[in-house]
Amino acid sequence: MLLLWFFLPLTLAQIDTPYDCGAHGYCYPANRTSATTCSECTCSDESTQTSDTTCTAPTSCSPNPCTLSNQQCNMVNDIPTCTCAVGYTGTDCTMLTSDPCSPQPCLQNGVCSSSGGTYSCACATGFFGEQCQYSGDPCSGYCSNGGTCEMLFSDTTPYCQCPFDYYGDKCQTTRSVQTSYVGCFDDSSASFSDYYVYSTTITTGTDCRDALISYREANPTSNYAYSTMSGTTGECLFSTANALTDPPTGGGLLVALLNALLSTCAYSNLNSGFAAVYSLNDLCTPEPCGEAAGNGKCIQTSATAYTCLCNPIKTGSACQSDATLTPCASIDCGVGTCGVTDDQIGYYCLCASTNQTVACVGNPCTSEPCLYGGTCSDLGNGSYSCACLNLYMDTNCETFDSCYINKCENGGTCVPTYNLLDSTFTCQCTPDWKGTYCEEERYYCDETPCENGGECEDIIGPPNSYNCTCTPQWTGFNCTIDVDECVEDTTLCKTKDPDATCVNTNGSYYCVCSPNMFGKSCLFNKIIYQILNATYGDLGPDKLDEMAQELTNDPTLVRDIVPFLIGGYSLEVRTSLSWTAADMFLWVAYEQQLIDLNSNFVQWNDKVLGNCFTFNHMNSSFKYEARSSGYPGGLEMQMNVKQDEYLPWTETAGVMVFTSTKEEAVTSESVRINTAPHFESRIAINRVDYYRLGGRYGVCINSVSEVKSYYYDGDYTTDGCLRSCYQDVVNGDCGCMDPRYPMPNDGISCSISQKTCIDELVDSRGDPSTWPECTCPLPCSQTVYTSKLSRLPYVNKIVDCEEAYTNKTACYETFLDSVILRISLPKLDYMIYSETPAMDLTKFMSYLGGILSILIGVSIVSFVELFFLFVQLIVILLFNKRL
């Protein structure tokens, strides 16, 4: 469990300033309330209480307030003051008065160490010089092109030692190596002891010269400037100066001519006695700036010029004169005295207890800045520090320490605060406590630390703590870290839409669906969205999800809603929204002969079914007769299904087939057979006739005119009667008619907004067959065709495609997305169900004769008894009741 420590700003507590207690006491009200006067003072430990309202400062060095070694306490103006013991000096009383390090010669906080009568300084970082009088690093980035920086003249001046192929004060100029021919000399008697023997195989003066150039490039710090090819020793020699001054032996015109002919003695044969001397054009080689005496340093500035970098104590073009140095001129050392550094170049200020590079200031303690008995210490740089008595604090001990008596309870830390009017304090409590004085036990859940709907539970310690139970969307100790639902469950948006993208947000997520899907989790087809949006307008995402889920769970709702959406459209518009005969049929045959679609099929539109096509129905212009039973004499066809146009969550794709008499209307509630693609469906039909007795035997209907309302075409049916009555009741309650069922031409179709009225009516009243206003007897005569479905998979169609079609792939696809239907006609014999009377005149006379013969043959019956028997028989015959 993670424990958190809180420092809470609490209500400021009041404590009195030391009224009437002098400078060394305080007033402490017991009830922690503010007071303006004190009847009794409490004095600090180092002061003396001379009366109830007076505390007097200490008058002696006991106890000793001085904390540094080599310090002693002395009373100055009746105030204990710390000074250095005899023989010591400095701000920390660590320097001996007879030490060469006293007064401190090292500047910028350098550490002085002495040996006999001399000293040395260990400079602080960033300072240098014999007395640490210089700051920074002059050599940092000073030299270019690989030059080496060194400090000259007692570390006062930076100088660049350049590679041979560069020159300038910072090696910034590329050197163009030039040489000069010095002459041809007689070297037969020369001494080469000071020369550097470079090679014994080089034979010409120019080769020896080139060797010097290469040597200097490889050794840039070398100062060899002359090459000598000796004809006496046969050696290539390097030197810093030319020591050969004698002309060739013999002299005169002949020698001069010989000198010219020998190309200025460019080469020399061994034992010739001639030496060819070349020099490099290095203007600083002669050390023209008094280098030997440390007066200066030569810096070549161009191919023909140089300048001298002089020691600060020298001046002149060649650093030949002494410089007049006045480092203390115009220097203000304040109350101190300006001193010259040992190298006579820099300065420093001699102060009372230290040497420094800034002006000296006086002893700040002489103004007695420390109040209420505080002890002042001079820090040597114009600043001071106050050692305050226990009751006081801050720079000058001017603030009463309100935490001297700690009122904070249960381990709380007192923090004093103050302003111009009073002194106060706050208590920083430990984690388990709170309140002004940390007197209240703390329960973390009171502070609602759990964010984003997390539930907090206190954990009683010690130490006290809490635990947050986060909602699934958040995690972390305080439920502040968002859970990335898209990472936790990569299928959130892809259950039904593999192309969906999940986007995480703080505390939630949302799905970006592919164009054909919608919903919070992309679970629903876009068609549902279009239906809902067209029906109810702009809905929120939660409501859309709820309604889409309802439609998905019960696909029949889609079928029920569509009529309400298109019910108000004209017949022309509704017809255009559905298939044509050309869309539906690939071919149709009757008695195995192809027939024309346009002349043999009648197209009509139902608000639920869409466009329907009837063959040999009541609205057909030509009537086919049944001449042969079975499939050869029946109807055959191949129909498109186009499964890609179906809603993906509804019934299996296929074609609905209705069989009925010629004069019976077909509706969405009529008995149908669903034929599926990829199969050959065969429907065998059989005829059944029903005949019912009316009149005294019961009520039946012969014509639609016998019922109150009938909105269906064709012959009367009980279902048509009930739905027509249903429409009348709906129209009376809702002011419109249900578009799912037939209605009169002038009927008003209910819109989707009125569907709720219809649903509530049906929910409250139930099935229309139970409504008292709907009386719909059975028809007196009725023909019904029963159907039996069988289907065969397209096994043989694959063979057909292989044998008869060039584009076999298209052939396969056609069979897989179509229905082949074969309807066999019934045989000439069929079932008849007919109601007959239970008793007629013939049966009556027969029954009467039998009864009379029995009665006469058995006994003699009185005339009265026979009369009553005869009457009773008549009553039974006429009214079917017994007397």
Foldseek 3Di string as FASTA:
>chain_A
DDDDWDFDFFDWFFAFALALAELFWGAGDPVSDDDDHHQATDGFPQWDRPDRRYTHHHQDCVVPPDDAPQWDWDQDPSFTAIDGHPQFFFQRRPDGCPACCVQPQAAPPWDWDDDVNDIATHEDPQFDFRRSPGGHDVPVVQAPDPWDWDAAQRNPDIATLEQQQFFDRRSPGGHDKDKDWPFKFQCQPPDCPQWDFDDLPDFWQVVLVVVVVVVCNVVVNDQFWKWKQFLARSTIITDLDDPTDHHDPPDDPVSVVVCVVCVRRGGHHHPPRMMTMMGIQDVCSVVQQPVVVSAWGWGADDSPDIATGGNPQFDDRSSPHGDDEDQCPPPAQDVFDWDARPSRHHIWTDEPRHIYNHHWDDFPCVVVQAPSSWYWRGSRRNDIATHEGLQADDRRSPHGDPPSPPQAPDPWDWAWDDDPPGIIIATGETSQADHRRSPHGDFVVVVVQAPDPWDKDWDVDVVTDIATDEDPQADDRNRPHGDFVCVVDVCQQPPPAVPKDWADDRSGIAIDGDPQFDARSRPFGVVLVVLCCLAPNDDDRVVSNVVRVVCLVPVVVVLQQQLQACVPPDQVVLQVVDDDPVQWFPFKDALNHTDDQVQFWDWGQASRPGIDIDGQAQPHPDHDDQDDFDQNRGMKTKTFFPVVPDGPRDDATFDWAADFDRFDFDAPPGDTDGFHFQKAKEKEKAKEKEAEDDDPVHHADAQPVVADFFQTGGGDALVRQLQRVVQVVCCVQQVFGDSRDGDDPPGHHHHSVSVVVVVVVCVVPPRSVPDPVRDGHGHRMGMDMDIDMDIGGPPCQLVVLVPPHPPSVVSVVSRRRMYIYTYTHHDPDHHYHYDDDPDDPVNLVVVVVVVVVVVVVPDDDDPVVVVVVVVQSVCCVPPVDGD
